[in-house]
Amino acid sequence: FSESVGAVNHLASDAELDPNFLVIDTRPQSEFKSGHFPGALNIQQGAKFETWLGSIVGPEEAFYLLAENPQELESVIKKSAKIGYEKNIAGAMVPESTKLHTQGKMVDLDAFKADPENYYIVEIRNECEFQREKFFVNAVNIPLHELREMAIRIVTEQPLVVHCAGGYRSAAGTSILSALLPDNEVLDLGEAVKEFEEKSTAH
């Protein structure tokens, strides 16, 4: 275990990344949205990191692993190894902020509240969560672990708003749809979804 983790290739912060590999950016949502590599997926460091890594990334897919500092990088490498994904890591790095030019967006909450019908709402909780409680009557349910495969079915000119139950999954979901649907505006509802949860349980 320790030998396989130690064998991971640590890249220089300004290294050029092979566009054929996925980029898994584990930095906090706020940092990711302020700047990231084009097409990067934001699976944040946290207690369930390896669970979502295994759900979103296939067992044979190669990827780069990015973190906000060396300590976090070592942590996510070890978590990847817990599910046998250390062999998939093409390289690991703490990126230079000057190299991260692509930005992500949070939804304009006032505009969204005023007329949610103007948006295509993608609800990425699991189906059982969706059936138990729906925040928006017009939402389309595509669970996060199916999103990469199902994104092609989303056909709309409306801005996409992605939400989960608390913001962690929506960060990943927004990054996935932004990468796969570059012609669409993709917005993250984030933690603001809790305001709508209160309304949905009040009725």
Protein backbone atom coordinates (compact mmCIF):
# COMPACT_ATOMS: atom_id res chain seq x y z
CA PHE A 1 0.00 0.00 0.00
CA SER A 2 2.60 2.56 1.04
CA GLU A 3 4.87 1.62 -1.87
CA SER A 4 2.07 2.09 -4.43
CA VAL A 5 1.19 5.46 -2.95
CA GLY A 6 4.83 6.52 -2.96
CA ALA A 7 5.12 5.59 -6.63
CA VAL A 8 2.64 8.26 -7.70
CA ASN A 9 4.31 10.79 -10.00
CA HIS A 10 4.40 14.20 -8.30
CA LEU A 11 4.33 16.87 -10.99
CA ALA A 12 5.73 20.39 -10.89
CA SER A 13 3.10 23.03 -10.20
CA ASP A 14 3.40 24.40 -13.75
CA ALA A 15 3.57 21.04 -15.55
CA GLU A 16 1.66 20.64 -18.81
CA LEU A 17 -1.17 18.12 -18.48
CA ASP A 18 -2.06 15.55 -21.13
CA PRO A 19 -5.54 16.51 -22.42
CA ASN A 20 -6.40 12.82 -22.85
CA PHE A 21 -6.53 12.33 -19.07
CA LEU A 22 -9.20 13.48 -16.66
CA VAL A 23 -8.30 16.18 -14.17
CA ILE A 24 -9.70 15.62 -10.68
CA ASP A 25 -9.43 18.88 -8.78
CA THR A 26 -9.97 18.28 -5.05
CA ARG A 27 -9.70 21.90 -3.94
CA PRO A 28 -12.61 23.60 -2.16
CA GLN A 29 -15.48 24.70 -4.36
CA SER A 30 -14.70 28.41 -3.93
CA GLU A 31 -11.12 27.97 -5.12
CA PHE A 32 -12.15 25.75 -8.01
CA LYS A 33 -14.75 28.24 -9.22
CA SER A 34 -12.29 31.12 -9.04
CA GLY A 35 -9.97 29.29 -11.45
CA HIS A 36 -9.33 25.76 -12.73
CA PHE A 37 -8.07 23.79 -15.72
CA PRO A 38 -10.58 23.47 -18.59
CA GLY A 39 -12.69 20.32 -18.23
CA ALA A 40 -11.56 19.60 -14.66
CA LEU A 41 -13.94 17.79 -12.32
CA ASN A 42 -14.32 19.20 -8.82
CA ILE A 43 -14.49 16.26 -6.40
CA GLN A 44 -13.64 18.02 -3.17
CA GLN A 45 -11.41 16.60 -0.47
CA GLY A 46 -13.62 15.34 2.35
CA ALA A 47 -14.84 12.31 4.25
CA LYS A 48 -16.54 10.82 1.17
CA PHE A 49 -13.90 11.73 -1.42
CA GLU A 50 -12.99 8.16 -2.34
CA THR A 51 -16.66 7.15 -2.53
CA TRP A 52 -17.45 9.82 -5.09
CA LEU A 53 -14.18 9.30 -6.94
CA GLY A 54 -15.13 5.65 -7.44
CA SER A 55 -18.68 6.59 -8.44
CA ILE A 56 -17.74 9.25 -10.99
CA VAL A 57 -14.48 7.92 -12.44
CA GLY A 58 -14.28 4.48 -14.05
CA PRO A 59 -11.87 1.86 -12.68
CA GLU A 60 -9.73 2.00 -15.82
CA GLU A 61 -9.69 5.77 -16.37
CA ALA A 62 -6.42 7.63 -15.91
CA PHE A 63 -6.53 10.99 -14.18
CA TYR A 64 -4.47 13.79 -12.70
CA LEU A 65 -5.04 14.58 -9.05
CA LEU A 66 -4.87 18.20 -7.88
CA ALA A 67 -5.02 19.63 -4.35
CA GLU A 68 -4.62 22.99 -2.65
CA ASN A 69 -1.43 22.10 -0.73
CA PRO A 70 1.06 19.20 -0.36
CA GLN A 71 -0.64 17.82 2.77
CA GLU A 72 -4.04 17.66 1.09
CA LEU A 73 -2.43 16.10 -1.98
CA GLU A 74 -0.93 13.27 0.06
CA SER A 75 -4.29 12.77 1.75
CA VAL A 76 -6.26 12.40 -1.51
CA ILE A 77 -3.59 10.10 -2.95
CA LYS A 78 -4.00 7.80 0.06
CA LYS A 79 -7.79 7.97 -0.19
CA SER A 80 -7.56 7.05 -3.88
CA ALA A 81 -5.45 4.06 -2.90
CA LYS A 82 -8.18 2.88 -0.52
CA ILE A 83 -10.30 1.96 -3.54
CA GLY A 84 -7.40 0.77 -5.67
CA TYR A 85 -7.28 3.90 -7.82
CA GLU A 86 -3.67 4.87 -7.10
CA LYS A 87 -2.74 2.99 -10.29
CA ASN A 88 -4.99 5.38 -12.25
CA ILE A 89 -3.16 8.52 -11.12
CA ALA A 90 -1.18 9.84 -14.09
CA GLY A 91 0.31 12.55 -11.91
CA ALA A 92 -0.37 14.59 -8.77
CA MET A 93 0.24 18.28 -8.26
CA VAL A 94 -0.48 21.48 -6.36
CA PRO A 95 -1.25 23.77 -9.32
CA GLU A 96 -0.09 27.35 -9.78
CA SER A 97 -3.05 29.71 -9.60
CA THR A 98 -1.71 31.66 -12.58
CA LYS A 99 -2.30 28.57 -14.76
CA LEU A 100 -5.98 28.25 -13.81
CA HIS A 101 -7.99 30.45 -16.15
CA THR A 102 -11.39 28.74 -16.40
CA GLN A 103 -13.99 30.00 -13.94
CA GLY A 104 -17.23 28.54 -12.63
CA LYS A 105 -20.45 30.26 -11.64
CA MET A 106 -22.87 30.20 -8.77
CA VAL A 107 -26.49 30.99 -9.60
CA ASP A 108 -27.81 34.54 -9.18
CA LEU A 109 -30.08 33.63 -6.30
CA ASP A 110 -32.44 36.61 -6.60
CA ALA A 111 -33.01 36.00 -10.31
CA PHE A 112 -33.50 32.28 -9.72
CA LYS A 113 -36.00 32.84 -6.91
CA ALA A 114 -37.91 35.34 -9.02
CA ASP A 115 -38.52 32.88 -11.85
CA PRO A 116 -37.10 29.35 -11.52
CA GLU A 117 -39.06 28.36 -14.65
CA ASN A 118 -36.45 30.24 -16.68
CA TYR A 119 -33.88 27.60 -15.73
CA TYR A 120 -33.35 23.92 -16.53
CA ILE A 121 -32.93 22.43 -13.06
CA VAL A 122 -30.80 19.31 -12.73
CA GLU A 123 -31.28 17.52 -9.41
CA ILE A 124 -28.34 15.18 -8.80
CA ARG A 125 -29.37 13.47 -5.58
CA ASN A 126 -30.07 9.74 -5.70
CA GLU A 127 -33.47 8.69 -7.03
CA CYS A 128 -34.71 7.61 -3.60
CA GLU A 129 -33.86 11.06 -2.19
CA PHE A 130 -35.58 12.72 -5.14
CA GLN A 131 -38.75 10.65 -4.73
CA ARG A 132 -38.88 11.29 -0.99
CA GLU A 133 -38.62 15.07 -1.27
CA LYS A 134 -38.62 17.32 -4.32
CA PHE A 135 -37.38 20.89 -4.03
CA PHE A 136 -38.56 21.95 -7.49
CA VAL A 137 -41.52 20.54 -9.43
CA ASN A 138 -39.82 21.02 -12.79
CA ALA A 139 -36.45 19.48 -11.85
CA VAL A 140 -34.92 16.64 -13.86
CA ASN A 141 -33.33 13.95 -11.69
CA ILE A 142 -29.97 12.60 -12.87
CA PRO A 143 -28.01 11.10 -9.95
CA LEU A 144 -24.41 12.29 -9.73
CA HIS A 145 -22.94 8.85 -10.42
CA GLU A 146 -24.87 8.71 -13.74
CA LEU A 147 -24.26 12.30 -14.81
CA ARG A 148 -21.27 11.79 -17.10
CA GLU A 149 -23.16 9.14 -19.07
CA MET A 150 -26.53 10.92 -19.11
CA ALA A 151 -25.44 14.52 -19.76
CA ILE A 152 -25.85 14.04 -23.51
CA ARG A 153 -29.61 13.74 -22.98
CA ILE A 154 -29.86 17.30 -21.70
CA VAL A 155 -31.07 19.40 -24.60
CA THR A 156 -32.02 22.97 -23.71
CA GLU A 157 -31.09 26.57 -24.38
CA GLN A 158 -31.97 27.56 -20.81
CA PRO A 159 -29.24 28.04 -18.21
CA LEU A 160 -28.67 24.84 -16.23
CA VAL A 161 -28.93 25.01 -12.44
CA VAL A 162 -27.44 22.05 -10.58
CA HIS A 163 -28.39 21.15 -7.02
CA CYS A 164 -28.06 18.38 -4.47
CA ALA A 165 -28.94 18.45 -0.76
CA GLY A 166 -26.16 20.63 0.63
CA GLY A 167 -23.64 21.75 -1.99
CA TYR A 168 -20.90 19.09 -2.00
CA ARG A 169 -22.32 17.01 -4.83
CA SER A 170 -23.51 20.02 -6.83
CA ALA A 171 -19.91 21.27 -7.05
CA ALA A 172 -18.95 18.00 -8.73
CA GLY A 173 -22.09 17.92 -10.86
CA THR A 174 -21.65 21.48 -12.09
CA SER A 175 -18.06 20.78 -13.09
CA ILE A 176 -19.13 17.64 -14.98
CA LEU A 177 -21.84 19.42 -16.96
CA SER A 178 -19.58 22.41 -17.64
CA ALA A 179 -16.99 20.04 -19.11
CA LEU A 180 -19.46 18.01 -21.18
CA LEU A 181 -21.85 20.78 -22.26
CA PRO A 182 -19.55 23.73 -23.03
CA ASP A 183 -22.23 25.56 -25.02
CA ASN A 184 -24.57 25.70 -22.02
CA GLU A 185 -24.40 28.10 -19.11
CA VAL A 186 -24.05 25.87 -16.04
CA LEU A 187 -24.76 27.33 -12.60
CA ASP A 188 -24.33 25.87 -9.13
CA LEU A 189 -27.07 26.40 -6.54
CA GLY A 190 -24.64 25.23 -3.83
CA GLU A 191 -25.59 25.57 -0.18
CA ALA A 192 -28.44 27.93 -1.08
CA VAL A 193 -30.51 24.82 -1.81
CA LYS A 194 -31.17 24.62 1.93
CA GLU A 195 -33.45 27.64 1.64
CA PHE A 196 -35.64 25.72 -0.81
CA GLU A 197 -35.52 22.59 1.35
CA GLU A 198 -37.14 24.56 4.17
CA LYS A 199 -39.92 25.66 1.83
CA SER A 200 -40.48 22.15 0.44
CA THR A 201 -40.89 20.64 3.91
CA ALA A 202 -43.20 23.44 5.04
CA HIS A 203 -46.02 22.32 2.76
